[in-house]
């Protein structure tokens, strides 16, 4: 789990995990629902991670990840570094604890990690306590496409987004079913020749969906400023005309163009609600 100041470095964390040969099976940015915070306290002893969660105020977001790979727990524990923050900063300054202190959490054992993952992601009672952090106000949607996730570059895209002073207010990993994807991309059907290929790309693997806001300049439309940062739909054209955009940096062609962003401003809340409320 990642919280507080380390949220600004989530892209770097994901990139380190990929370089270590680890993957992410589940990911979500969550908040403790104020109406159920007392319920969380009542089950505090069920998982050691609850002590960590209870340090989060109900208004604060955190990111939970289920990490997978060969010897995943031990590898991740090594990336986190010594439990003592002072020791980590002195002896392992490039470890997660050396860089971010207690804002990156590691389970105490592989068994705890499995139990805590089930508690966060699969316990129906917990879903009452933990909710999506999405705001749905002056925000827009970005979906990092499966080809980028497979290549392990989703962290790099997130780092670029944060570097441009956008704020990520919600995040989740999801895999589209074909019917859902066709419904989501229906606006392109019969309009864009690549529609079928777009659907096939989006259902080919895990996506990472982000709610983007522009808190540093709320007078500016998040939708327009982020759409400009994504760049032209064709990466080849973007490389020539807008080389510092996401599609120029990470896209390959019109279908594998790194990211989906909302095309019409009036559709931003509809797309965000579809992803963060309708799709589980």
C-alpha atoms as a PDB file:
ATOM      1  CA  UNK A   1       0.000   0.000   0.000  1.00  0.00           C
ATOM      2  CA  UNK A   2       1.077   3.561  -0.749  1.00  0.00           C
ATOM      3  CA  UNK A   3      -0.181   6.675   1.004  1.00  0.00           C
ATOM      4  CA  UNK A   4       0.488  10.342   1.745  1.00  0.00           C
ATOM      5  CA  UNK A   5       3.567  11.890   0.091  1.00  0.00           C
ATOM      6  CA  UNK A   6       4.531   8.627  -1.622  1.00  0.00           C
ATOM      7  CA  UNK A   7       1.394   8.918  -3.795  1.00  0.00           C
ATOM      8  CA  UNK A   8       3.324  11.508  -5.796  1.00  0.00           C
ATOM      9  CA  UNK A   9       5.854   8.776  -6.595  1.00  0.00           C
ATOM     10  CA  UNK A  10       3.513   5.899  -7.463  1.00  0.00           C
ATOM     11  CA  UNK A  11       4.785   5.882 -11.047  1.00  0.00           C
ATOM     12  CA  UNK A  12       8.342   5.396  -9.832  1.00  0.00           C
ATOM     13  CA  UNK A  13       7.221   2.572  -7.505  1.00  0.00           C
ATOM     14  CA  UNK A  14       5.502   0.778 -10.397  1.00  0.00           C
ATOM     15  CA  UNK A  15       8.583   1.210 -12.588  1.00  0.00           C
ATOM     16  CA  UNK A  16      10.842  -0.251  -9.865  1.00  0.00           C
ATOM     17  CA  UNK A  17       8.488  -3.231  -9.494  1.00  0.00           C
ATOM     18  CA  UNK A  18       8.624  -3.899 -13.245  1.00  0.00           C
ATOM     19  CA  UNK A  19      12.417  -3.657 -13.336  1.00  0.00           C
ATOM     20  CA  UNK A  20      12.554  -6.213 -10.515  1.00  0.00           C
ATOM     21  CA  UNK A  21      10.512  -8.625 -12.647  1.00  0.00           C
ATOM     22  CA  UNK A  22       7.335  -8.189 -10.589  1.00  0.00           C
ATOM     23  CA  UNK A  23       3.826  -7.534 -11.863  1.00  0.00           C
ATOM     24  CA  UNK A  24       0.600  -6.119 -10.451  1.00  0.00           C
ATOM     25  CA  UNK A  25      -2.564  -8.235 -10.470  1.00  0.00           C
ATOM     26  CA  UNK A  26      -4.855  -5.796  -8.660  1.00  0.00           C
ATOM     27  CA  UNK A  27      -4.575  -2.066  -8.041  1.00  0.00           C
ATOM     28  CA  UNK A  28      -6.995   0.522  -6.680  1.00  0.00           C
ATOM     29  CA  UNK A  29      -6.897   3.983  -5.155  1.00  0.00           C
ATOM     30  CA  UNK A  30      -9.301   3.972  -2.212  1.00  0.00           C
ATOM     31  CA  UNK A  31     -10.581   6.026   0.693  1.00  0.00           C
ATOM     32  CA  UNK A  32     -12.012   5.032   4.046  1.00  0.00           C
ATOM     33  CA  UNK A  33     -15.704   5.910   3.982  1.00  0.00           C
ATOM     34  CA  UNK A  34     -16.361   8.307   6.862  1.00  0.00           C
ATOM     35  CA  UNK A  35     -19.682   6.584   7.592  1.00  0.00           C
ATOM     36  CA  UNK A  36     -17.933   3.260   8.168  1.00  0.00           C
ATOM     37  CA  UNK A  37     -14.644   4.276   9.779  1.00  0.00           C
ATOM     38  CA  UNK A  38     -15.885   2.986  13.153  1.00  0.00           C
ATOM     39  CA  UNK A  39     -16.601  -0.395  11.520  1.00  0.00           C
ATOM     40  CA  UNK A  40     -13.003  -0.545  10.333  1.00  0.00           C
ATOM     41  CA  UNK A  41     -11.809   0.094  13.888  1.00  0.00           C
ATOM     42  CA  UNK A  42     -13.960  -2.761  15.148  1.00  0.00           C
ATOM     43  CA  UNK A  43     -12.214  -5.268  12.856  1.00  0.00           C
ATOM     44  CA  UNK A  44      -8.776  -3.744  13.284  1.00  0.00           C
ATOM     45  CA  UNK A  45      -7.199  -6.923  14.593  1.00  0.00           C
ATOM     46  CA  UNK A  46      -8.199  -9.008  11.540  1.00  0.00           C
ATOM     47  CA  UNK A  47      -5.194  -7.910   9.484  1.00  0.00           C
ATOM     48  CA  UNK A  48      -1.982  -6.121  10.415  1.00  0.00           C
ATOM     49  CA  UNK A  49      -2.545  -3.764   7.474  1.00  0.00           C
ATOM     50  CA  UNK A  50      -5.498  -2.266   9.359  1.00  0.00           C
ATOM     51  CA  UNK A  51      -3.116  -0.541  11.759  1.00  0.00           C
ATOM     52  CA  UNK A  52      -1.597   1.124   8.707  1.00  0.00           C
ATOM     53  CA  UNK A  53      -5.013   1.986   7.260  1.00  0.00           C
ATOM     54  CA  UNK A  54      -6.220   3.536  10.497  1.00  0.00           C
ATOM     55  CA  UNK A  55      -3.409   6.066  10.224  1.00  0.00           C
ATOM     56  CA  UNK A  56      -5.152   7.333   7.062  1.00  0.00           C
ATOM     57  CA  UNK A  57      -7.746  10.009   7.683  1.00  0.00           C
ATOM     58  CA  UNK A  58     -11.106   9.269   6.027  1.00  0.00           C
ATOM     59  CA  UNK A  59     -10.475  12.097   3.567  1.00  0.00           C
ATOM     60  CA  UNK A  60      -7.066  10.764   2.491  1.00  0.00           C
ATOM     61  CA  UNK A  61      -6.509   8.406  -0.411  1.00  0.00           C
ATOM     62  CA  UNK A  62      -4.191   5.420  -0.492  1.00  0.00           C
ATOM     63  CA  UNK A  63      -3.285   2.925  -3.202  1.00  0.00           C
ATOM     64  CA  UNK A  64      -3.467  -0.828  -2.623  1.00  0.00           C
ATOM     65  CA  UNK A  65      -1.584  -3.213  -4.913  1.00  0.00           C
ATOM     66  CA  UNK A  66      -1.462  -6.981  -5.144  1.00  0.00           C
ATOM     67  CA  UNK A  67       2.026  -7.783  -6.418  1.00  0.00           C
ATOM     68  CA  UNK A  68       2.785 -11.024  -8.230  1.00  0.00           C
ATOM     69  CA  UNK A  69       5.876 -12.740  -9.597  1.00  0.00           C
ATOM     70  CA  UNK A  70       8.550 -15.272  -8.754  1.00  0.00           C
ATOM     71  CA  UNK A  71       9.167 -15.127  -4.987  1.00  0.00           C
ATOM     72  CA  UNK A  72       7.106 -11.925  -5.047  1.00  0.00           C
ATOM     73  CA  UNK A  73       6.861 -11.303  -1.309  1.00  0.00           C
ATOM     74  CA  UNK A  74      10.580 -11.629  -0.595  1.00  0.00           C
ATOM     75  CA  UNK A  75      11.494  -9.554  -3.639  1.00  0.00           C
ATOM     76  CA  UNK A  76       9.084  -6.805  -2.633  1.00  0.00           C
ATOM     77  CA  UNK A  77      10.290  -6.875   0.962  1.00  0.00           C
ATOM     78  CA  UNK A  78      13.850  -6.390  -0.284  1.00  0.00           C
ATOM     79  CA  UNK A  79      12.726  -3.434  -2.429  1.00  0.00           C
ATOM     80  CA  UNK A  80      11.110  -1.898   0.660  1.00  0.00           C
ATOM     81  CA  UNK A  81      14.344  -2.109   2.645  1.00  0.00           C
ATOM     82  CA  UNK A  82      14.965  -2.331   6.418  1.00  0.00           C
ATOM     83  CA  UNK A  83      11.944  -1.881   8.711  1.00  0.00           C
ATOM     84  CA  UNK A  84      13.759   0.849  10.628  1.00  0.00           C
ATOM     85  CA  UNK A  85      13.348   4.050   8.619  1.00  0.00           C
ATOM     86  CA  UNK A  86      16.590   5.517   9.959  1.00  0.00           C
ATOM     87  CA  UNK A  87      18.451   2.338   9.001  1.00  0.00           C
ATOM     88  CA  UNK A  88      16.800   2.324   5.582  1.00  0.00           C
ATOM     89  CA  UNK A  89      17.805   5.922   4.912  1.00  0.00           C
ATOM     90  CA  UNK A  90      21.375   5.213   5.968  1.00  0.00           C
ATOM     91  CA  UNK A  91      21.994   1.702   4.605  1.00  0.00           C
ATOM     92  CA  UNK A  92      19.477   1.422   1.755  1.00  0.00           C
ATOM     93  CA  UNK A  93      18.735   4.988   0.622  1.00  0.00           C
ATOM     94  CA  UNK A  94      17.284   3.820  -2.707  1.00  0.00           C
ATOM     95  CA  UNK A  95      14.856   1.379  -1.100  1.00  0.00           C
ATOM     96  CA  UNK A  96      11.194   2.390  -0.829  1.00  0.00           C
ATOM     97  CA  UNK A  97      11.543   3.071   2.890  1.00  0.00           C
ATOM     98  CA  UNK A  98      14.790   4.941   2.282  1.00  0.00           C
ATOM     99  CA  UNK A  99      13.037   7.151  -0.257  1.00  0.00           C
ATOM    100  CA  UNK A 100       9.500   7.422   1.121  1.00  0.00           C
ATOM    101  CA  UNK A 101       9.660   6.326   4.771  1.00  0.00           C
ATOM    102  CA  UNK A 102       6.523   4.717   6.180  1.00  0.00           C
ATOM    103  CA  UNK A 103       4.392   5.925   3.269  1.00  0.00           C
ATOM    104  CA  UNK A 104       5.014   2.594   1.494  1.00  0.00           C
ATOM    105  CA  UNK A 105       3.688  -0.459   3.332  1.00  0.00           C
ATOM    106  CA  UNK A 106       4.995  -4.032   3.293  1.00  0.00           C
ATOM    107  CA  UNK A 107       3.133  -6.943   4.896  1.00  0.00           C
ATOM    108  CA  UNK A 108       4.913  -8.700   7.734  1.00  0.00           C
ATOM    109  CA  UNK A 109       4.858 -12.102   6.020  1.00  0.00           C
ATOM    110  CA  UNK A 110       3.766 -13.740   2.782  1.00  0.00           C
ATOM    111  CA  UNK A 111       0.770 -15.212   4.635  1.00  0.00           C
ATOM    112  CA  UNK A 112      -0.204 -11.771   5.924  1.00  0.00           C
ATOM    113  CA  UNK A 113       0.141 -10.391   2.405  1.00  0.00           C
ATOM    114  CA  UNK A 114      -2.312 -12.983   1.048  1.00  0.00           C
ATOM    115  CA  UNK A 115      -4.805 -12.345   3.858  1.00  0.00           C
ATOM    116  CA  UNK A 116      -4.554  -8.580   3.523  1.00  0.00           C
ATOM    117  CA  UNK A 117      -5.009  -8.744  -0.232  1.00  0.00           C
ATOM    118  CA  UNK A 118      -8.191 -10.775   0.218  1.00  0.00           C
ATOM    119  CA  UNK A 119      -9.390  -8.314   2.854  1.00  0.00           C
ATOM    120  CA  UNK A 120      -8.846  -5.286   0.609  1.00  0.00           C
ATOM    121  CA  UNK A 121      -9.919  -6.671  -2.765  1.00  0.00           C
ATOM    122  CA  UNK A 122     -12.269  -9.595  -2.167  1.00  0.00           C
ATOM    123  CA  UNK A 123     -14.117  -9.054   1.120  1.00  0.00           C
ATOM    124  CA  UNK A 124     -17.657  -7.813   0.421  1.00  0.00           C
ATOM    125  CA  UNK A 125     -17.931  -6.290   3.909  1.00  0.00           C
ATOM    126  CA  UNK A 126     -14.766  -4.287   3.308  1.00  0.00           C
ATOM    127  CA  UNK A 127     -16.304  -2.778   0.174  1.00  0.00           C
ATOM    128  CA  UNK A 128     -18.689  -0.901   2.479  1.00  0.00           C
ATOM    129  CA  UNK A 129     -15.747   0.593   4.354  1.00  0.00           C
ATOM    130  CA  UNK A 130     -13.412   1.345   1.444  1.00  0.00           C
ATOM    131  CA  UNK A 131     -14.662   3.259  -1.576  1.00  0.00           C
ATOM    132  CA  UNK A 132     -13.250   4.705  -4.762  1.00  0.00           C
ATOM    133  CA  UNK A 133     -11.531   8.049  -4.335  1.00  0.00           C
ATOM    134  CA  UNK A 134     -13.005   9.420  -7.603  1.00  0.00           C
ATOM    135  CA  UNK A 135     -14.288  13.016  -7.478  1.00  0.00           C
ATOM    136  CA  UNK A 136     -16.171  13.319 -10.815  1.00  0.00           C
ATOM    137  CA  UNK A 137     -15.752  17.133 -10.708  1.00  0.00           C
ATOM    138  CA  UNK A 138     -13.487  19.184 -13.016  1.00  0.00           C
ATOM    139  CA  UNK A 139     -11.769  15.952 -13.903  1.00  0.00           C
ATOM    140  CA  UNK A 140     -11.248  13.727 -16.908  1.00  0.00           C
ATOM    141  CA  UNK A 141     -10.472  10.120 -17.702  1.00  0.00           C
ATOM    142  CA  UNK A 142      -7.247   8.514 -18.851  1.00  0.00           C
ATOM    143  CA  UNK A 143      -6.960   4.795 -19.581  1.00  0.00           C
ATOM    144  CA  UNK A 144      -3.474   3.367 -20.012  1.00  0.00           C
ATOM    145  CA  UNK A 145      -3.887   0.715 -22.694  1.00  0.00           C
ATOM    146  CA  UNK A 146      -2.951  -2.981 -22.352  1.00  0.00           C
ATOM    147  CA  UNK A 147       0.093  -2.819 -24.639  1.00  0.00           C
ATOM    148  CA  UNK A 148       1.669  -0.242 -22.302  1.00  0.00           C
ATOM    149  CA  UNK A 149       0.782  -2.238 -19.173  1.00  0.00           C
ATOM    150  CA  UNK A 150       2.298  -5.406 -20.702  1.00  0.00           C
ATOM    151  CA  UNK A 151       5.490  -3.509 -21.532  1.00  0.00           C
ATOM    152  CA  UNK A 152       5.748  -2.351 -17.917  1.00  0.00           C
ATOM    153  CA  UNK A 153       5.579   1.325 -18.868  1.00  0.00           C
ATOM    154  CA  UNK A 154       2.410   2.350 -17.045  1.00  0.00           C
ATOM    155  CA  UNK A 155       4.574   3.691 -14.224  1.00  0.00           C
ATOM    156  CA  UNK A 156       6.487   5.872 -16.673  1.00  0.00           C
ATOM    157  CA  UNK A 157       3.246   7.347 -18.034  1.00  0.00           C
ATOM    158  CA  UNK A 158       1.985   8.057 -14.515  1.00  0.00           C
ATOM    159  CA  UNK A 159       5.299   9.739 -13.678  1.00  0.00           C
ATOM    160  CA  UNK A 160       4.981  11.969 -16.762  1.00  0.00           C
ATOM    161  CA  UNK A 161       1.406  12.911 -15.832  1.00  0.00           C
ATOM    162  CA  UNK A 162       2.444  13.907 -12.306  1.00  0.00           C
ATOM    163  CA  UNK A 163       5.501  15.735 -13.635  1.00  0.00           C
ATOM    164  CA  UNK A 164       3.129  17.931 -15.663  1.00  0.00           C
ATOM    165  CA  UNK A 165       1.450  18.921 -12.374  1.00  0.00           C
ATOM    166  CA  UNK A 166      -1.754  17.016 -12.996  1.00  0.00           C
ATOM    167  CA  UNK A 167      -3.219  15.265  -9.958  1.00  0.00           C
ATOM    168  CA  UNK A 168      -4.404  11.653 -10.003  1.00  0.00           C
ATOM    169  CA  UNK A 169      -7.510  11.496  -7.816  1.00  0.00           C
ATOM    170  CA  UNK A 170      -8.600   7.930  -8.635  1.00  0.00           C
ATOM    171  CA  UNK A 171      -6.932   4.842 -10.060  1.00  0.00           C
ATOM    172  CA  UNK A 172      -7.885   1.238 -10.714  1.00  0.00           C
ATOM    173  CA  UNK A 173      -6.684  -1.722 -12.724  1.00  0.00           C
ATOM    174  CA  UNK A 174      -9.377  -3.389 -14.797  1.00  0.00           C
ATOM    175  CA  UNK A 175      -9.887  -5.778 -17.677  1.00  0.00           C
ATOM    176  CA  UNK A 176     -12.700  -5.011 -20.120  1.00  0.00           C
ATOM    177  CA  UNK A 177     -15.188  -7.660 -21.169  1.00  0.00           C
ATOM    178  CA  UNK A 178     -15.972  -7.305 -24.870  1.00  0.00           C
ATOM    179  CA  UNK A 179     -19.583  -6.206 -24.278  1.00  0.00           C
ATOM    180  CA  UNK A 180     -18.492  -3.508 -21.829  1.00  0.00           C
ATOM    181  CA  UNK A 181     -15.741  -2.316 -24.138  1.00  0.00           C
ATOM    182  CA  UNK A 182     -18.089  -2.079 -27.134  1.00  0.00           C
ATOM    183  CA  UNK A 183     -20.498  -0.058 -25.009  1.00  0.00           C
ATOM    184  CA  UNK A 184     -17.717   2.205 -23.742  1.00  0.00           C
ATOM    185  CA  UNK A 185     -16.317   2.831 -27.251  1.00  0.00           C
ATOM    186  CA  UNK A 186     -19.712   2.956 -28.986  1.00  0.00           C
ATOM    187  CA  UNK A 187     -19.200   6.604 -29.986  1.00  0.00           C
ATOM    188  CA  UNK A 188     -16.436   5.462 -32.388  1.00  0.00           C
ATOM    189  CA  UNK A 189     -18.466   2.696 -34.042  1.00  0.00           C
ATOM    190  CA  UNK A 190     -19.079   3.453 -37.720  1.00  0.00           C
ATOM    191  CA  UNK A 191     -17.016   6.636 -37.381  1.00  0.00           C
ATOM    192  CA  UNK A 192     -13.449   5.439 -36.860  1.00  0.00           C
ATOM    193  CA  UNK A 193     -12.175   2.765 -39.301  1.00  0.00           C
ATOM    194  CA  UNK A 194     -10.015   1.272 -36.534  1.00  0.00           C
ATOM    195  CA  UNK A 195     -13.017   0.702 -34.211  1.00  0.00           C
ATOM    196  CA  UNK A 196     -12.812  -3.120 -34.193  1.00  0.00           C
ATOM    197  CA  UNK A 197      -9.046  -3.024 -33.695  1.00  0.00           C
ATOM    198  CA  UNK A 198      -9.516  -0.521 -30.856  1.00  0.00           C
ATOM    199  CA  UNK A 199     -11.910  -2.896 -29.125  1.00  0.00           C
ATOM    200  CA  UNK A 200      -9.543  -5.841 -29.589  1.00  0.00           C
ATOM    201  CA  UNK A 201      -6.651  -3.849 -28.137  1.00  0.00           C
ATOM    202  CA  UNK A 202      -8.643  -2.706 -25.097  1.00  0.00           C
ATOM    203  CA  UNK A 203      -9.830  -6.241 -24.244  1.00  0.00           C
ATOM    204  CA  UNK A 204      -6.407  -7.828 -24.808  1.00  0.00           C
ATOM    205  CA  UNK A 205      -5.216  -7.383 -21.232  1.00  0.00           C
ATOM    206  CA  UNK A 206      -5.215  -5.247 -18.110  1.00  0.00           C
ATOM    207  CA  UNK A 207      -5.746  -1.484 -18.343  1.00  0.00           C
ATOM    208  CA  UNK A 208      -5.012   1.152 -15.721  1.00  0.00           C
ATOM    209  CA  UNK A 209      -7.723   3.809 -15.447  1.00  0.00           C
ATOM    210  CA  UNK A 210      -6.970   7.211 -13.920  1.00  0.00           C
ATOM    211  CA  UNK A 211      -9.116  10.157 -12.917  1.00  0.00           C
ATOM    212  CA  UNK A 212      -7.106  13.293 -13.711  1.00  0.00           C
ATOM    213  CA  UNK A 213      -7.622  16.712 -12.152  1.00  0.00           C
ATOM    214  CA  UNK A 214      -5.763  19.973 -12.527  1.00  0.00           C
ATOM    215  CA  UNK A 215      -5.719  21.223  -8.944  1.00  0.00           C
ATOM    216  CA  UNK A 216      -2.856  23.617  -9.549  1.00  0.00           C
ATOM    217  CA  UNK A 217      -4.995  25.689 -11.919  1.00  0.00           C
ATOM    218  CA  UNK A 218      -8.691  25.066 -11.284  1.00  0.00           C
ATOM    219  CA  UNK A 219      -9.600  27.915 -13.638  1.00  0.00           C
ATOM    220  CA  UNK A 220      -8.240  25.815 -16.510  1.00  0.00           C
ATOM    221  CA  UNK A 221     -10.303  22.983 -17.993  1.00  0.00           C
ATOM    222  CA  UNK A 222      -8.758  19.689 -16.911  1.00  0.00           C
ATOM    223  CA  UNK A 223     -10.387  18.035 -19.908  1.00  0.00           C
ATOM    224  CA  UNK A 224      -8.712  20.310 -22.464  1.00  0.00           C
ATOM    225  CA  UNK A 225      -5.304  20.587 -20.822  1.00  0.00           C
ATOM    226  CA  UNK A 226      -5.015  16.831 -20.356  1.00  0.00           C
ATOM    227  CA  UNK A 227      -6.300  16.071 -23.854  1.00  0.00           C
ATOM    228  CA  UNK A 228      -3.609  18.417 -25.203  1.00  0.00           C
ATOM    229  CA  UNK A 229      -0.998  16.535 -23.169  1.00  0.00           C
ATOM    230  CA  UNK A 230      -2.135  13.192 -24.612  1.00  0.00           C
ATOM    231  CA  UNK A 231      -1.495  14.547 -28.115  1.00  0.00           C
ATOM    232  CA  UNK A 232      -2.797  13.585 -31.567  1.00  0.00           C
ATOM    233  CA  UNK A 233      -4.462  10.178 -31.862  1.00  0.00           C
ATOM    234  CA  UNK A 234      -1.784   9.096 -34.377  1.00  0.00           C
ATOM    235  CA  UNK A 235       1.599   8.678 -32.613  1.00  0.00           C
ATOM    236  CA  UNK A 236       3.514   9.084 -35.892  1.00  0.00           C
ATOM    237  CA  UNK A 237       1.979  12.539 -36.350  1.00  0.00           C
ATOM    238  CA  UNK A 238       2.456  13.308 -32.654  1.00  0.00           C
ATOM    239  CA  UNK A 239       6.180  12.543 -32.849  1.00  0.00           C
ATOM    240  CA  UNK A 240       6.530  15.222 -35.529  1.00  0.00           C
ATOM    241  CA  UNK A 241       4.137  17.907 -34.293  1.00  0.00           C
ATOM    242  CA  UNK A 242       3.911  17.313 -30.500  1.00  0.00           C
ATOM    243  CA  UNK A 243       6.950  15.217 -29.475  1.00  0.00           C
ATOM    244  CA  UNK A 244       6.496  15.760 -25.736  1.00  0.00           C
ATOM    245  CA  UNK A 245       2.973  14.345 -25.569  1.00  0.00           C
ATOM    246  CA  UNK A 246       2.109  10.932 -24.126  1.00  0.00           C
ATOM    247  CA  UNK A 247       1.184   9.390 -27.463  1.00  0.00           C
ATOM    248  CA  UNK A 248       4.389  10.632 -29.070  1.00  0.00           C
ATOM    249  CA  UNK A 249       6.463   9.173 -26.247  1.00  0.00           C
ATOM    250  CA  UNK A 250       4.662   5.859 -25.709  1.00  0.00           C
ATOM    251  CA  UNK A 251       2.369   5.212 -28.695  1.00  0.00           C
ATOM    252  CA  UNK A 252       3.056   2.916 -31.646  1.00  0.00           C
ATOM    253  CA  UNK A 253       0.119   3.426 -34.018  1.00  0.00           C
ATOM    254  CA  UNK A 254      -3.489   4.667 -34.025  1.00  0.00           C
ATOM    255  CA  UNK A 255      -4.697   1.595 -32.144  1.00  0.00           C
ATOM    256  CA  UNK A 256      -1.725   1.091 -29.820  1.00  0.00           C
ATOM    257  CA  UNK A 257      -1.476   4.779 -29.042  1.00  0.00           C
ATOM    258  CA  UNK A 258      -0.715   4.391 -25.332  1.00  0.00           C
ATOM    259  CA  UNK A 259      -3.739   6.092 -23.768  1.00  0.00           C
ATOM    260  CA  UNK A 260      -7.428   6.713 -24.166  1.00  0.00           C
ATOM    261  CA  UNK A 261      -8.632  10.125 -23.054  1.00  0.00           C
ATOM    262  CA  UNK A 262     -12.149  11.545 -23.142  1.00  0.00           C
ATOM    263  CA  UNK A 263     -12.831  13.125 -26.551  1.00  0.00           C
ATOM    264  CA  UNK A 264     -15.827  15.328 -25.685  1.00  0.00           C
ATOM    265  CA  UNK A 265     -15.962  17.478 -22.566  1.00  0.00           C
ATOM    266  CA  UNK A 266     -19.614  16.639 -21.928  1.00  0.00           C
ATOM    267  CA  UNK A 267     -18.664  12.943 -21.769  1.00  0.00           C
ATOM    268  CA  UNK A 268     -16.091  13.256 -18.978  1.00  0.00           C
ATOM    269  CA  UNK A 269     -18.424  12.524 -16.056  1.00  0.00           C
ATOM    270  CA  UNK A 270     -20.191   9.764 -18.013  1.00  0.00           C
ATOM    271  CA  UNK A 271     -16.920   7.976 -18.786  1.00  0.00           C
ATOM    272  CA  UNK A 272     -15.593   8.402 -15.258  1.00  0.00           C
ATOM    273  CA  UNK A 273     -18.774   7.042 -13.694  1.00  0.00           C
ATOM    274  CA  UNK A 274     -18.821   4.125 -16.138  1.00  0.00           C
ATOM    275  CA  UNK A 275     -15.280   3.125 -15.171  1.00  0.00           C
ATOM    276  CA  UNK A 276     -15.250   3.881 -11.435  1.00  0.00           C
ATOM    277  CA  UNK A 277     -18.881   3.133 -10.496  1.00  0.00           C
ATOM    278  CA  UNK A 278     -20.242   0.651 -13.029  1.00  0.00           C
ATOM    279  CA  UNK A 279     -17.244  -1.605 -13.714  1.00  0.00           C
ATOM    280  CA  UNK A 280     -15.963  -3.665 -10.802  1.00  0.00           C
END
